[in-house]
Amino acid sequence: MMDPTTDNAGNTGDPGTARASLEALRAEIAKAVVGQDPAVTGLVVALLCRGHVLLEGVPGVAKTLLVRALASALELDTKRVQFTPDLMPSDVTGSLVYDTRTAEFSFQPGPVFTNLLLADEINRTPPKTQSSLLEAMEERQVTVDGTPRPLPDPFLVAATQNPVEYEGTYPLPEAQLDRFLLKLTIPLPSRQDEIDVLTRHAEGFNPRDLRAAGVRPVAGPADLEAARAAVAKTTISPAITAYVVDICRATRESPSLTLGVSPRGATALLATARAWAWLTGRDYVIPDDVKALALPTLRHRVQLRPEAEMEGVTADSVINAILAHVPVPR
């Protein structure tokens, strides 16, 4: 009989082992994706915080491959939905189906009933279908015909999107953007990274067959539970809490923004900084942890004034300016 503290990958759920297993994700994902360490780190942080991730980048920069590689390196159930203009909400959540044999309606779960949902090109579907994920992301449940149905634990939505100025895309509403713990931007690769990508393909790499590329599960549910428990014990001083609040309040007072960070965003920044501190081997949070996660945690929670946008101001530049001016606790 299998020890209940041991998952399918053979890991014990010990905090030290859990950290090593999550760090090993980088090496596994690197077998398929070149040069995207910040995005990999963000996905791991989201797993630790029970959050969701939005990956944004132009077509062809391996957004989908990155999430598929993460899924292959984790011992978790994974499903993928290709978001298209004709996708219906029930195609995501599931629906009631009439069974002629029993003369009754039965619920057929949609792809959202999984541990890791890859919502591919989420901004190519209209807002009505985008909103079908709101309850799932926030409440970890789906309500169909008045009946709430809980989702598995862990549950993470990893959504990819192209920049909204690209043809055929629909901007995500603010309410849904706020449900994402992190927004990670996937840049074009450097010259050397692009050479490495082409070299791999020339040598026979097949992005549709990650097993052949050697990507194997290195972490599972027990590792995640042990890691989350350890993160929850990571110390946060009152000075760090005040620092996070000061950063978020500064966004509400910025002349470049029409919308600043809400208290939900401040809570998210505190959680991601805590997870990052634990991943780097500390049991306490320092200001550098807050600074390291400020951009991906806050950039999608603010709105630029039109005149600032016309002058070339970006959300990242505003947040960086705030980080440079808010006093750092000793």
C-alpha atoms as a PDB file:
ATOM      1  CA  MET A   1       0.000   0.000   0.000  1.00  0.00           C
ATOM      2  CA  MET A   2       1.326   3.453  -0.990  1.00  0.00           C
ATOM      3  CA  ASP A   3       2.279   5.800   1.828  1.00  0.00           C
ATOM      4  CA  PRO A   4      -0.291   8.629   1.760  1.00  0.00           C
ATOM      5  CA  THR A   5       2.491  11.186   2.178  1.00  0.00           C
ATOM      6  CA  THR A   6       4.148  10.005  -1.024  1.00  0.00           C
ATOM      7  CA  ASP A   7       2.917  11.143  -4.437  1.00  0.00           C
ATOM      8  CA  ASN A   8       3.102   9.319  -7.764  1.00  0.00           C
ATOM      9  CA  ALA A   9       6.495  10.801  -8.569  1.00  0.00           C
ATOM     10  CA  GLY A  10       7.910   9.176  -5.449  1.00  0.00           C
ATOM     11  CA  ASN A  11       8.339  12.383  -3.462  1.00  0.00           C
ATOM     12  CA  THR A  12       7.647  12.494   0.252  1.00  0.00           C
ATOM     13  CA  GLY A  13       6.228  15.954   0.746  1.00  0.00           C
ATOM     14  CA  ASP A  14       9.116  17.057   3.014  1.00  0.00           C
ATOM     15  CA  PRO A  15       9.632  20.858   2.718  1.00  0.00           C
ATOM     16  CA  GLY A  16      13.309  20.486   1.778  1.00  0.00           C
ATOM     17  CA  THR A  17      12.498  17.852  -0.827  1.00  0.00           C
ATOM     18  CA  ALA A  18       9.591  19.961  -2.072  1.00  0.00           C
ATOM     19  CA  ARG A  19      11.845  22.977  -2.670  1.00  0.00           C
ATOM     20  CA  ALA A  20      14.341  20.815  -4.530  1.00  0.00           C
ATOM     21  CA  SER A  21      11.568  19.300  -6.639  1.00  0.00           C
ATOM     22  CA  LEU A  22      10.143  22.695  -7.582  1.00  0.00           C
ATOM     23  CA  GLU A  23      13.611  23.957  -8.427  1.00  0.00           C
ATOM     24  CA  ALA A  24      14.041  20.863 -10.631  1.00  0.00           C
ATOM     25  CA  LEU A  25      11.115  22.087 -12.713  1.00  0.00           C
ATOM     26  CA  ARG A  26      13.448  24.670 -14.251  1.00  0.00           C
ATOM     27  CA  ALA A  27      15.775  21.994 -15.591  1.00  0.00           C
ATOM     28  CA  GLU A  28      12.909  19.910 -16.978  1.00  0.00           C
ATOM     29  CA  ILE A  29      11.212  22.841 -18.681  1.00  0.00           C
ATOM     30  CA  ALA A  30      14.563  23.985 -20.110  1.00  0.00           C
ATOM     31  CA  LYS A  31      14.623  20.728 -22.101  1.00  0.00           C
ATOM     32  CA  ALA A  32      11.740  22.144 -24.149  1.00  0.00           C
ATOM     33  CA  VAL A  33      11.860  25.938 -23.734  1.00  0.00           C
ATOM     34  CA  VAL A  34      14.955  28.092 -24.114  1.00  0.00           C
ATOM     35  CA  GLY A  35      15.636  31.203 -22.027  1.00  0.00           C
ATOM     36  CA  GLN A  36      12.351  31.841 -20.216  1.00  0.00           C
ATOM     37  CA  ASP A  37      13.480  31.522 -16.574  1.00  0.00           C
ATOM     38  CA  PRO A  38      11.430  34.518 -15.289  1.00  0.00           C
ATOM     39  CA  ALA A  39       8.232  33.013 -16.708  1.00  0.00           C
ATOM     40  CA  VAL A  40       9.035  29.592 -15.237  1.00  0.00           C
ATOM     41  CA  THR A  41       9.635  31.210 -11.844  1.00  0.00           C
ATOM     42  CA  GLY A  42       6.317  33.045 -12.115  1.00  0.00           C
ATOM     43  CA  LEU A  43       4.426  29.831 -12.824  1.00  0.00           C
ATOM     44  CA  VAL A  44       6.008  28.153  -9.784  1.00  0.00           C
ATOM     45  CA  VAL A  45       5.162  31.156  -7.577  1.00  0.00           C
ATOM     46  CA  ALA A  46       1.552  30.984  -8.779  1.00  0.00           C
ATOM     47  CA  LEU A  47       1.367  27.298  -7.880  1.00  0.00           C
ATOM     48  CA  LEU A  48       2.626  28.078  -4.369  1.00  0.00           C
ATOM     49  CA  CYS A  49       0.107  30.922  -3.942  1.00  0.00           C
ATOM     50  CA  ARG A  50      -2.874  29.056  -5.427  1.00  0.00           C
ATOM     51  CA  GLY A  51      -3.034  31.759  -8.082  1.00  0.00           C
ATOM     52  CA  HIS A  52      -3.456  32.001 -11.843  1.00  0.00           C
ATOM     53  CA  VAL A  53      -1.107  33.295 -14.531  1.00  0.00           C
ATOM     54  CA  LEU A  54      -1.613  35.326 -17.693  1.00  0.00           C
ATOM     55  CA  LEU A  55       1.173  34.947 -20.267  1.00  0.00           C
ATOM     56  CA  GLU A  56       1.333  37.703 -22.880  1.00  0.00           C
ATOM     57  CA  GLY A  57       3.514  37.826 -25.962  1.00  0.00           C
ATOM     58  CA  VAL A  58       3.445  37.961 -29.735  1.00  0.00           C
ATOM     59  CA  PRO A  59       2.634  34.721 -31.572  1.00  0.00           C
ATOM     60  CA  GLY A  60       5.470  32.230 -31.776  1.00  0.00           C
ATOM     61  CA  VAL A  61       7.408  32.913 -28.548  1.00  0.00           C
ATOM     62  CA  ALA A  62       6.556  29.523 -26.943  1.00  0.00           C
ATOM     63  CA  LYS A  63       3.797  30.630 -24.555  1.00  0.00           C
ATOM     64  CA  THR A  64       1.776  27.457 -25.093  1.00  0.00           C
ATOM     65  CA  LEU A  65       4.878  25.265 -25.136  1.00  0.00           C
ATOM     66  CA  LEU A  66       5.968  26.737 -21.803  1.00  0.00           C
ATOM     67  CA  VAL A  67       2.715  25.737 -20.092  1.00  0.00           C
ATOM     68  CA  ARG A  68       2.703  22.298 -21.735  1.00  0.00           C
ATOM     69  CA  ALA A  69       6.273  21.734 -20.534  1.00  0.00           C
ATOM     70  CA  LEU A  70       5.259  22.736 -17.002  1.00  0.00           C
ATOM     71  CA  ALA A  71       2.361  20.279 -17.162  1.00  0.00           C
ATOM     72  CA  SER A  72       4.671  17.485 -18.321  1.00  0.00           C
ATOM     73  CA  ALA A  73       7.084  18.194 -15.453  1.00  0.00           C
ATOM     74  CA  LEU A  74       4.272  18.015 -12.873  1.00  0.00           C
ATOM     75  CA  GLU A  75       2.337  14.943 -11.785  1.00  0.00           C
ATOM     76  CA  LEU A  76      -0.963  16.779 -12.292  1.00  0.00           C
ATOM     77  CA  ASP A  77      -4.015  16.360 -14.499  1.00  0.00           C
ATOM     78  CA  THR A  78      -3.918  18.869 -17.359  1.00  0.00           C
ATOM     79  CA  LYS A  79      -6.385  19.979 -20.016  1.00  0.00           C
ATOM     80  CA  ARG A  80      -6.172  22.515 -22.820  1.00  0.00           C
ATOM     81  CA  VAL A  81      -8.865  24.752 -24.302  1.00  0.00           C
ATOM     82  CA  GLN A  82      -8.257  26.621 -27.549  1.00  0.00           C
ATOM     83  CA  PHE A  83     -10.245  29.833 -27.159  1.00  0.00           C
ATOM     84  CA  THR A  84     -11.933  30.860 -30.411  1.00  0.00           C
ATOM     85  CA  PRO A  85     -14.630  33.445 -31.317  1.00  0.00           C
ATOM     86  CA  ASP A  86     -17.334  30.734 -31.447  1.00  0.00           C
ATOM     87  CA  LEU A  87     -16.449  29.066 -28.121  1.00  0.00           C
ATOM     88  CA  MET A  88     -19.417  28.917 -25.734  1.00  0.00           C
ATOM     89  CA  PRO A  89     -19.232  29.160 -21.903  1.00  0.00           C
ATOM     90  CA  SER A  90     -20.595  25.612 -21.575  1.00  0.00           C
ATOM     91  CA  ASP A  91     -17.666  24.386 -23.706  1.00  0.00           C
ATOM     92  CA  VAL A  92     -15.449  25.403 -20.786  1.00  0.00           C
ATOM     93  CA  THR A  93     -17.545  24.705 -17.686  1.00  0.00           C
ATOM     94  CA  GLY A  94     -19.639  21.744 -18.826  1.00  0.00           C
ATOM     95  CA  SER A  95     -23.393  21.373 -19.187  1.00  0.00           C
ATOM     96  CA  LEU A  96     -26.436  19.234 -18.428  1.00  0.00           C
ATOM     97  CA  VAL A  97     -27.036  16.500 -21.004  1.00  0.00           C
ATOM     98  CA  TYR A  98     -30.264  14.559 -21.376  1.00  0.00           C
ATOM     99  CA  ASP A  99     -29.781  10.799 -21.005  1.00  0.00           C
ATOM    100  CA  THR A 100     -32.459   8.950 -23.007  1.00  0.00           C
ATOM    101  CA  ARG A 101     -31.815   5.721 -21.097  1.00  0.00           C
ATOM    102  CA  THR A 102     -32.635   7.191 -17.697  1.00  0.00           C
ATOM    103  CA  ALA A 103     -34.873  10.023 -18.926  1.00  0.00           C
ATOM    104  CA  GLU A 104     -32.843  12.378 -16.704  1.00  0.00           C
ATOM    105  CA  PHE A 105     -30.353  15.184 -17.144  1.00  0.00           C
ATOM    106  CA  SER A 106     -26.788  14.446 -16.069  1.00  0.00           C
ATOM    107  CA  PHE A 107     -23.873  16.838 -15.718  1.00  0.00           C
ATOM    108  CA  GLN A 108     -21.002  16.422 -18.178  1.00  0.00           C
ATOM    109  CA  PRO A 109     -17.921  18.192 -16.771  1.00  0.00           C
ATOM    110  CA  GLY A 110     -16.069  20.578 -19.043  1.00  0.00           C
ATOM    111  CA  PRO A 111     -12.276  20.875 -19.367  1.00  0.00           C
ATOM    112  CA  VAL A 112     -12.169  23.309 -16.424  1.00  0.00           C
ATOM    113  CA  PHE A 113     -12.393  20.274 -14.118  1.00  0.00           C
ATOM    114  CA  THR A 114      -8.663  19.641 -14.000  1.00  0.00           C
ATOM    115  CA  ASN A 115      -5.582  20.653 -12.000  1.00  0.00           C
ATOM    116  CA  LEU A 116      -3.854  22.750 -14.654  1.00  0.00           C
ATOM    117  CA  LEU A 117      -6.032  24.388 -17.304  1.00  0.00           C
ATOM    118  CA  LEU A 118      -4.242  25.819 -20.327  1.00  0.00           C
ATOM    119  CA  ALA A 119      -6.514  28.554 -21.674  1.00  0.00           C
ATOM    120  CA  ASP A 120      -4.830  29.126 -25.006  1.00  0.00           C
ATOM    121  CA  GLU A 121      -5.256  32.558 -26.643  1.00  0.00           C
ATOM    122  CA  ILE A 122      -7.902  33.564 -24.113  1.00  0.00           C
ATOM    123  CA  ASN A 123      -8.373  36.993 -25.686  1.00  0.00           C
ATOM    124  CA  ARG A 124      -9.536  35.510 -28.988  1.00  0.00           C
ATOM    125  CA  THR A 125     -12.928  34.671 -27.483  1.00  0.00           C
ATOM    126  CA  PRO A 126     -15.688  37.223 -26.682  1.00  0.00           C
ATOM    127  CA  PRO A 127     -16.120  38.583 -23.114  1.00  0.00           C
ATOM    128  CA  LYS A 128     -19.134  36.326 -22.407  1.00  0.00           C
ATOM    129  CA  THR A 129     -16.992  33.202 -22.740  1.00  0.00           C
ATOM    130  CA  GLN A 130     -14.032  34.831 -20.982  1.00  0.00           C
ATOM    131  CA  SER A 131     -16.293  35.520 -18.000  1.00  0.00           C
ATOM    132  CA  SER A 132     -17.156  31.822 -17.709  1.00  0.00           C
ATOM    133  CA  LEU A 133     -13.818  31.426 -15.931  1.00  0.00           C
ATOM    134  CA  LEU A 134     -14.459  34.121 -13.303  1.00  0.00           C
ATOM    135  CA  GLU A 135     -16.210  31.886 -10.766  1.00  0.00           C
ATOM    136  CA  ALA A 136     -13.778  29.028 -11.374  1.00  0.00           C
ATOM    137  CA  MET A 137     -10.736  31.243 -10.817  1.00  0.00           C
ATOM    138  CA  GLU A 138     -12.045  33.015  -7.723  1.00  0.00           C
ATOM    139  CA  GLU A 139     -14.286  30.472  -5.969  1.00  0.00           C
ATOM    140  CA  ARG A 140     -12.653  27.237  -7.207  1.00  0.00           C
ATOM    141  CA  GLN A 141     -16.076  26.003  -8.264  1.00  0.00           C
ATOM    142  CA  VAL A 142     -18.493  26.048 -11.211  1.00  0.00           C
ATOM    143  CA  THR A 143     -22.237  26.596 -10.838  1.00  0.00           C
ATOM    144  CA  VAL A 144     -24.432  24.896 -13.446  1.00  0.00           C
ATOM    145  CA  ASP A 145     -28.225  24.984 -13.172  1.00  0.00           C
ATOM    146  CA  GLY A 146     -27.934  26.415  -9.668  1.00  0.00           C
ATOM    147  CA  THR A 147     -25.709  23.620  -8.362  1.00  0.00           C
ATOM    148  CA  PRO A 148     -22.132  24.535  -7.302  1.00  0.00           C
ATOM    149  CA  ARG A 149     -19.570  21.921  -8.286  1.00  0.00           C
ATOM    150  CA  PRO A 150     -16.104  22.123  -6.658  1.00  0.00           C
ATOM    151  CA  LEU A 151     -12.982  21.999  -8.794  1.00  0.00           C
ATOM    152  CA  PRO A 152      -9.974  19.767  -8.029  1.00  0.00           C
ATOM    153  CA  ASP A 153      -7.163  20.966  -5.785  1.00  0.00           C
ATOM    154  CA  PRO A 154      -4.667  22.173  -6.882  1.00  0.00           C
ATOM    155  CA  PHE A 155      -6.328  24.244  -9.620  1.00  0.00           C
ATOM    156  CA  LEU A 156      -4.435  26.740 -11.757  1.00  0.00           C
ATOM    157  CA  VAL A 157      -5.430  28.583 -14.926  1.00  0.00           C
ATOM    158  CA  ALA A 158      -2.483  29.378 -17.172  1.00  0.00           C
ATOM    159  CA  ALA A 159      -3.857  31.615 -19.907  1.00  0.00           C
ATOM    160  CA  THR A 160      -1.973  32.846 -22.940  1.00  0.00           C
ATOM    161  CA  GLN A 161      -2.838  35.939 -24.962  1.00  0.00           C
ATOM    162  CA  ASN A 162      -1.492  37.987 -27.828  1.00  0.00           C
ATOM    163  CA  PRO A 163      -1.146  41.758 -27.341  1.00  0.00           C
ATOM    164  CA  VAL A 164      -4.578  43.355 -27.691  1.00  0.00           C
ATOM    165  CA  GLU A 165      -3.583  45.486 -30.662  1.00  0.00           C
ATOM    166  CA  TYR A 166      -3.329  42.332 -32.779  1.00  0.00           C
ATOM    167  CA  GLU A 167      -6.263  41.702 -35.123  1.00  0.00           C
ATOM    168  CA  GLY A 168      -9.053  39.441 -33.870  1.00  0.00           C
ATOM    169  CA  THR A 169      -8.486  39.918 -30.132  1.00  0.00           C
ATOM    170  CA  TYR A 170     -10.779  41.087 -27.323  1.00  0.00           C
ATOM    171  CA  PRO A 171      -9.281  42.957 -24.331  1.00  0.00           C
ATOM    172  CA  LEU A 172      -9.828  41.111 -21.061  1.00  0.00           C
ATOM    173  CA  PRO A 173     -12.195  43.005 -18.717  1.00  0.00           C
ATOM    174  CA  GLU A 174     -10.658  44.508 -15.570  1.00  0.00           C
ATOM    175  CA  ALA A 175     -12.632  42.134 -13.333  1.00  0.00           C
ATOM    176  CA  GLN A 176     -11.018  39.128 -14.991  1.00  0.00           C
ATOM    177  CA  LEU A 177      -7.540  40.635 -15.166  1.00  0.00           C
ATOM    178  CA  ASP A 178      -7.694  41.144 -11.408  1.00  0.00           C
ATOM    179  CA  ARG A 179      -8.321  37.412 -10.940  1.00  0.00           C
ATOM    180  CA  PHE A 180      -4.865  36.637 -12.337  1.00  0.00           C
ATOM    181  CA  LEU A 181      -2.191  36.590  -9.666  1.00  0.00           C
ATOM    182  CA  LEU A 182       0.565  37.375 -12.181  1.00  0.00           C
ATOM    183  CA  LYS A 183       0.854  38.766 -15.678  1.00  0.00           C
ATOM    184  CA  LEU A 184       4.065  37.556 -17.278  1.00  0.00           C
ATOM    185  CA  THR A 185       5.321  39.105 -20.504  1.00  0.00           C
ATOM    186  CA  ILE A 186       7.134  36.704 -22.817  1.00  0.00           C
ATOM    187  CA  PRO A 187       9.742  38.641 -24.821  1.00  0.00           C
ATOM    188  CA  LEU A 188      11.303  37.730 -28.126  1.00  0.00           C
ATOM    189  CA  PRO A 189      14.417  35.606 -27.524  1.00  0.00           C
ATOM    190  CA  SER A 190      17.934  36.952 -27.626  1.00  0.00           C
ATOM    191  CA  ARG A 191      20.050  36.170 -30.685  1.00  0.00           C
ATOM    192  CA  GLN A 192      21.864  33.305 -28.931  1.00  0.00           C
ATOM    193  CA  ASP A 193      18.639  31.849 -27.544  1.00  0.00           C
ATOM    194  CA  GLU A 194      17.095  31.938 -31.017  1.00  0.00           C
ATOM    195  CA  ILE A 195      20.133  30.148 -32.423  1.00  0.00           C
ATOM    196  CA  ASP A 196      19.706  27.491 -29.718  1.00  0.00           C
ATOM    197  CA  VAL A 197      16.017  27.097 -30.615  1.00  0.00           C
ATOM    198  CA  LEU A 198      16.772  26.599 -34.298  1.00  0.00           C
ATOM    199  CA  THR A 199      19.615  24.202 -33.495  1.00  0.00           C
ATOM    200  CA  ARG A 200      17.261  22.034 -31.420  1.00  0.00           C
ATOM    201  CA  HIS A 201      14.728  21.911 -34.237  1.00  0.00           C
ATOM    202  CA  ALA A 202      17.455  21.054 -36.743  1.00  0.00           C
ATOM    203  CA  GLU A 203      18.452  18.155 -34.477  1.00  0.00           C
ATOM    204  CA  GLY A 204      14.903  16.778 -34.476  1.00  0.00           C
ATOM    205  CA  PHE A 205      13.167  18.426 -31.514  1.00  0.00           C
ATOM    206  CA  ASN A 206       9.400  17.976 -31.773  1.00  0.00           C
ATOM    207  CA  PRO A 207       7.432  20.471 -29.621  1.00  0.00           C
ATOM    208  CA  ARG A 208       4.365  18.206 -29.844  1.00  0.00           C
ATOM    209  CA  ASP A 209       6.206  15.271 -28.213  1.00  0.00           C
ATOM    210  CA  LEU A 210       7.723  16.479 -24.942  1.00  0.00           C
ATOM    211  CA  ARG A 211       8.296  12.943 -23.670  1.00  0.00           C
ATOM    212  CA  ALA A 212      10.673  12.380 -26.565  1.00  0.00           C
ATOM    213  CA  ALA A 213      12.475  15.570 -25.517  1.00  0.00           C
ATOM    214  CA  GLY A 214      13.079  13.987 -22.115  1.00  0.00           C
ATOM    215  CA  VAL A 215      10.647  16.077 -20.029  1.00  0.00           C
ATOM    216  CA  ARG A 216       9.596  13.943 -17.042  1.00  0.00           C
ATOM    217  CA  PRO A 217       7.468  14.576 -13.911  1.00  0.00           C
ATOM    218  CA  VAL A 218       9.671  15.798 -11.055  1.00  0.00           C
ATOM    219  CA  ALA A 219       7.033  17.133  -8.625  1.00  0.00           C
ATOM    220  CA  GLY A 220       3.529  16.233  -7.577  1.00  0.00           C
ATOM    221  CA  PRO A 221       0.648  17.146  -5.240  1.00  0.00           C
ATOM    222  CA  ALA A 222       2.512  16.135  -2.067  1.00  0.00           C
ATOM    223  CA  ASP A 223       5.384  18.458  -2.971  1.00  0.00           C
ATOM    224  CA  LEU A 224       2.980  21.319  -3.561  1.00  0.00           C
ATOM    225  CA  GLU A 225       1.199  20.795  -0.253  1.00  0.00           C
ATOM    226  CA  ALA A 226       4.470  20.626   1.672  1.00  0.00           C
ATOM    227  CA  ALA A 227       5.782  23.714  -0.119  1.00  0.00           C
ATOM    228  CA  ARG A 228       2.591  25.700   0.530  1.00  0.00           C
ATOM    229  CA  ALA A 229       2.707  24.797   4.216  1.00  0.00           C
ATOM    230  CA  ALA A 230       6.322  25.974   4.409  1.00  0.00           C
ATOM    231  CA  VAL A 231       5.516  29.217   2.556  1.00  0.00           C
ATOM    232  CA  ALA A 232       2.721  29.918   5.066  1.00  0.00           C
ATOM    233  CA  LYS A 233       5.313  29.803   7.865  1.00  0.00           C
ATOM    234  CA  THR A 234       7.599  32.339   6.165  1.00  0.00           C
ATOM    235  CA  THR A 235       7.852  35.405   8.421  1.00  0.00           C
ATOM    236  CA  ILE A 236       6.564  38.802   7.295  1.00  0.00           C
ATOM    237  CA  SER A 237       7.554  41.745   9.493  1.00  0.00           C
ATOM    238  CA  PRO A 238       5.196  44.712  10.061  1.00  0.00           C
ATOM    239  CA  ALA A 239       7.700  46.905   8.181  1.00  0.00           C
ATOM    240  CA  ILE A 240       7.375  44.718   5.051  1.00  0.00           C
ATOM    241  CA  THR A 241       3.590  44.783   5.279  1.00  0.00           C
ATOM    242  CA  ALA A 242       3.668  48.592   5.502  1.00  0.00           C
ATOM    243  CA  TYR A 243       6.097  48.707   2.540  1.00  0.00           C
ATOM    244  CA  VAL A 244       3.669  46.724   0.365  1.00  0.00           C
ATOM    245  CA  VAL A 245       0.791  49.009   1.405  1.00  0.00           C
ATOM    246  CA  ASP A 246       2.827  52.144   0.637  1.00  0.00           C
ATOM    247  CA  ILE A 247       3.678  50.859  -2.863  1.00  0.00           C
ATOM    248  CA  CYS A 248       0.062  50.063  -3.657  1.00  0.00           C
ATOM    249  CA  ARG A 249      -1.252  53.344  -2.236  1.00  0.00           C
ATOM    250  CA  ALA A 250       1.297  55.216  -4.349  1.00  0.00           C
ATOM    251  CA  THR A 251      -0.245  53.737  -7.507  1.00  0.00           C
ATOM    252  CA  ARG A 252      -3.619  55.229  -6.511  1.00  0.00           C
ATOM    253  CA  GLU A 253      -2.023  58.670  -6.260  1.00  0.00           C
ATOM    254  CA  SER A 254       0.022  58.483  -9.479  1.00  0.00           C
ATOM    255  CA  PRO A 255      -0.896  61.222 -12.010  1.00  0.00           C
ATOM    256  CA  SER A 256      -0.229  58.728 -14.825  1.00  0.00           C
ATOM    257  CA  LEU A 257      -2.912  56.265 -13.704  1.00  0.00           C
ATOM    258  CA  THR A 258      -6.701  56.347 -13.694  1.00  0.00           C
ATOM    259  CA  LEU A 259      -6.850  53.122 -11.676  1.00  0.00           C
ATOM    260  CA  GLY A 260      -4.424  52.078  -8.965  1.00  0.00           C
ATOM    261  CA  VAL A 261      -3.869  48.776  -7.189  1.00  0.00           C
ATOM    262  CA  SER A 262      -6.737  47.536  -5.007  1.00  0.00           C
ATOM    263  CA  PRO A 263      -6.347  45.882  -1.586  1.00  0.00           C
ATOM    264  CA  ARG A 264      -6.671  42.545  -3.427  1.00  0.00           C
ATOM    265  CA  GLY A 265      -3.563  43.499  -5.395  1.00  0.00           C
ATOM    266  CA  ALA A 266      -1.698  44.425  -2.197  1.00  0.00           C
ATOM    267  CA  THR A 267      -2.583  41.020  -0.730  1.00  0.00           C
ATOM    268  CA  ALA A 268      -1.354  39.353  -3.919  1.00  0.00           C
ATOM    269  CA  LEU A 269       1.988  41.194  -3.784  1.00  0.00           C
ATOM    270  CA  LEU A 270       2.528  40.148  -0.181  1.00  0.00           C
ATOM    271  CA  ALA A 271       1.748  36.508  -1.078  1.00  0.00           C
ATOM    272  CA  THR A 272       4.041  36.377  -4.116  1.00  0.00           C
ATOM    273  CA  ALA A 273       6.921  38.034  -2.233  1.00  0.00           C
ATOM    274  CA  ARG A 274       6.498  35.442   0.521  1.00  0.00           C
ATOM    275  CA  ALA A 275       6.590  32.555  -1.976  1.00  0.00           C
ATOM    276  CA  TRP A 276       9.669  34.002  -3.685  1.00  0.00           C
ATOM    277  CA  ALA A 277      11.453  34.373  -0.334  1.00  0.00           C
ATOM    278  CA  TRP A 278      10.832  30.689   0.423  1.00  0.00           C
ATOM    279  CA  LEU A 279      11.955  29.587  -3.044  1.00  0.00           C
ATOM    280  CA  THR A 280      15.242  31.451  -2.600  1.00  0.00           C
ATOM    281  CA  GLY A 281      15.878  29.615   0.674  1.00  0.00           C
ATOM    282  CA  ARG A 282      14.827  32.135   3.324  1.00  0.00           C
ATOM    283  CA  ASP A 283      12.128  31.851   5.998  1.00  0.00           C
ATOM    284  CA  TYR A 284      11.539  35.630   6.105  1.00  0.00           C
ATOM    285  CA  VAL A 285      10.646  38.296   3.538  1.00  0.00           C
ATOM    286  CA  ILE A 286      12.941  41.198   2.656  1.00  0.00           C
ATOM    287  CA  PRO A 287      12.214  44.325   0.541  1.00  0.00           C
ATOM    288  CA  ASP A 288      14.030  42.829  -2.452  1.00  0.00           C
ATOM    289  CA  ASP A 289      11.429  40.025  -2.558  1.00  0.00           C
ATOM    290  CA  VAL A 290       8.683  42.633  -2.858  1.00  0.00           C
ATOM    291  CA  LYS A 291      10.574  44.487  -5.599  1.00  0.00           C
ATOM    292  CA  ALA A 292      11.245  41.255  -7.511  1.00  0.00           C
ATOM    293  CA  LEU A 293       7.535  40.418  -7.785  1.00  0.00           C
ATOM    294  CA  ALA A 294       6.069  43.921  -8.017  1.00  0.00           C
ATOM    295  CA  LEU A 295       5.948  44.169 -11.816  1.00  0.00           C
ATOM    296  CA  PRO A 296       4.321  40.814 -12.645  1.00  0.00           C
ATOM    297  CA  THR A 297       1.908  41.124  -9.702  1.00  0.00           C
ATOM    298  CA  LEU A 298       0.796  44.725 -10.278  1.00  0.00           C
ATOM    299  CA  ARG A 299       1.194  45.593 -13.979  1.00  0.00           C
ATOM    300  CA  HIS A 300      -2.247  44.264 -14.969  1.00  0.00           C
ATOM    301  CA  ARG A 301      -4.021  45.850 -11.986  1.00  0.00           C
ATOM    302  CA  VAL A 302      -3.414  49.477 -13.011  1.00  0.00           C
ATOM    303  CA  GLN A 303      -4.849  51.593 -15.828  1.00  0.00           C
ATOM    304  CA  LEU A 304      -2.926  54.299 -17.653  1.00  0.00           C
ATOM    305  CA  ARG A 305      -4.405  57.684 -18.446  1.00  0.00           C
ATOM    306  CA  PRO A 306      -4.881  58.065 -22.231  1.00  0.00           C
ATOM    307  CA  GLU A 307      -2.563  61.089 -22.360  1.00  0.00           C
ATOM    308  CA  ALA A 308       0.178  59.166 -20.500  1.00  0.00           C
ATOM    309  CA  GLU A 309      -0.220  56.251 -22.896  1.00  0.00           C
ATOM    310  CA  MET A 310       0.133  58.602 -25.866  1.00  0.00           C
ATOM    311  CA  GLU A 311       3.406  59.872 -24.389  1.00  0.00           C
ATOM    312  CA  GLY A 312       4.792  56.343 -24.317  1.00  0.00           C
ATOM    313  CA  VAL A 313       4.357  55.755 -20.583  1.00  0.00           C
ATOM    314  CA  THR A 314       3.828  52.085 -19.648  1.00  0.00           C
ATOM    315  CA  ALA A 315       2.474  50.396 -16.558  1.00  0.00           C
ATOM    316  CA  ASP A 316       5.922  48.931 -15.919  1.00  0.00           C
ATOM    317  CA  SER A 317       7.614  52.341 -16.065  1.00  0.00           C
ATOM    318  CA  VAL A 318       5.093  53.816 -13.607  1.00  0.00           C
ATOM    319  CA  ILE A 319       5.557  50.932 -11.142  1.00  0.00           C
ATOM    320  CA  ASN A 320       9.358  51.137 -11.457  1.00  0.00           C
ATOM    321  CA  ALA A 321       9.219  54.863 -10.701  1.00  0.00           C
ATOM    322  CA  ILE A 322       7.087  54.180  -7.622  1.00  0.00           C
ATOM    323  CA  LEU A 323       9.511  51.500  -6.421  1.00  0.00           C
ATOM    324  CA  ALA A 324      12.343  54.016  -6.789  1.00  0.00           C
ATOM    325  CA  HIS A 325      10.584  56.625  -4.646  1.00  0.00           C
ATOM    326  CA  VAL A 326       8.788  54.674  -1.912  1.00  0.00           C
ATOM    327  CA  PRO A 327      11.096  54.486   1.146  1.00  0.00           C
ATOM    328  CA  VAL A 328      12.552  51.018   1.667  1.00  0.00           C
ATOM    329  CA  PRO A 329      12.397  49.671   5.239  1.00  0.00           C
ATOM    330  CA  ARG A 330      15.683  48.762   6.846  1.00  0.00           C
END
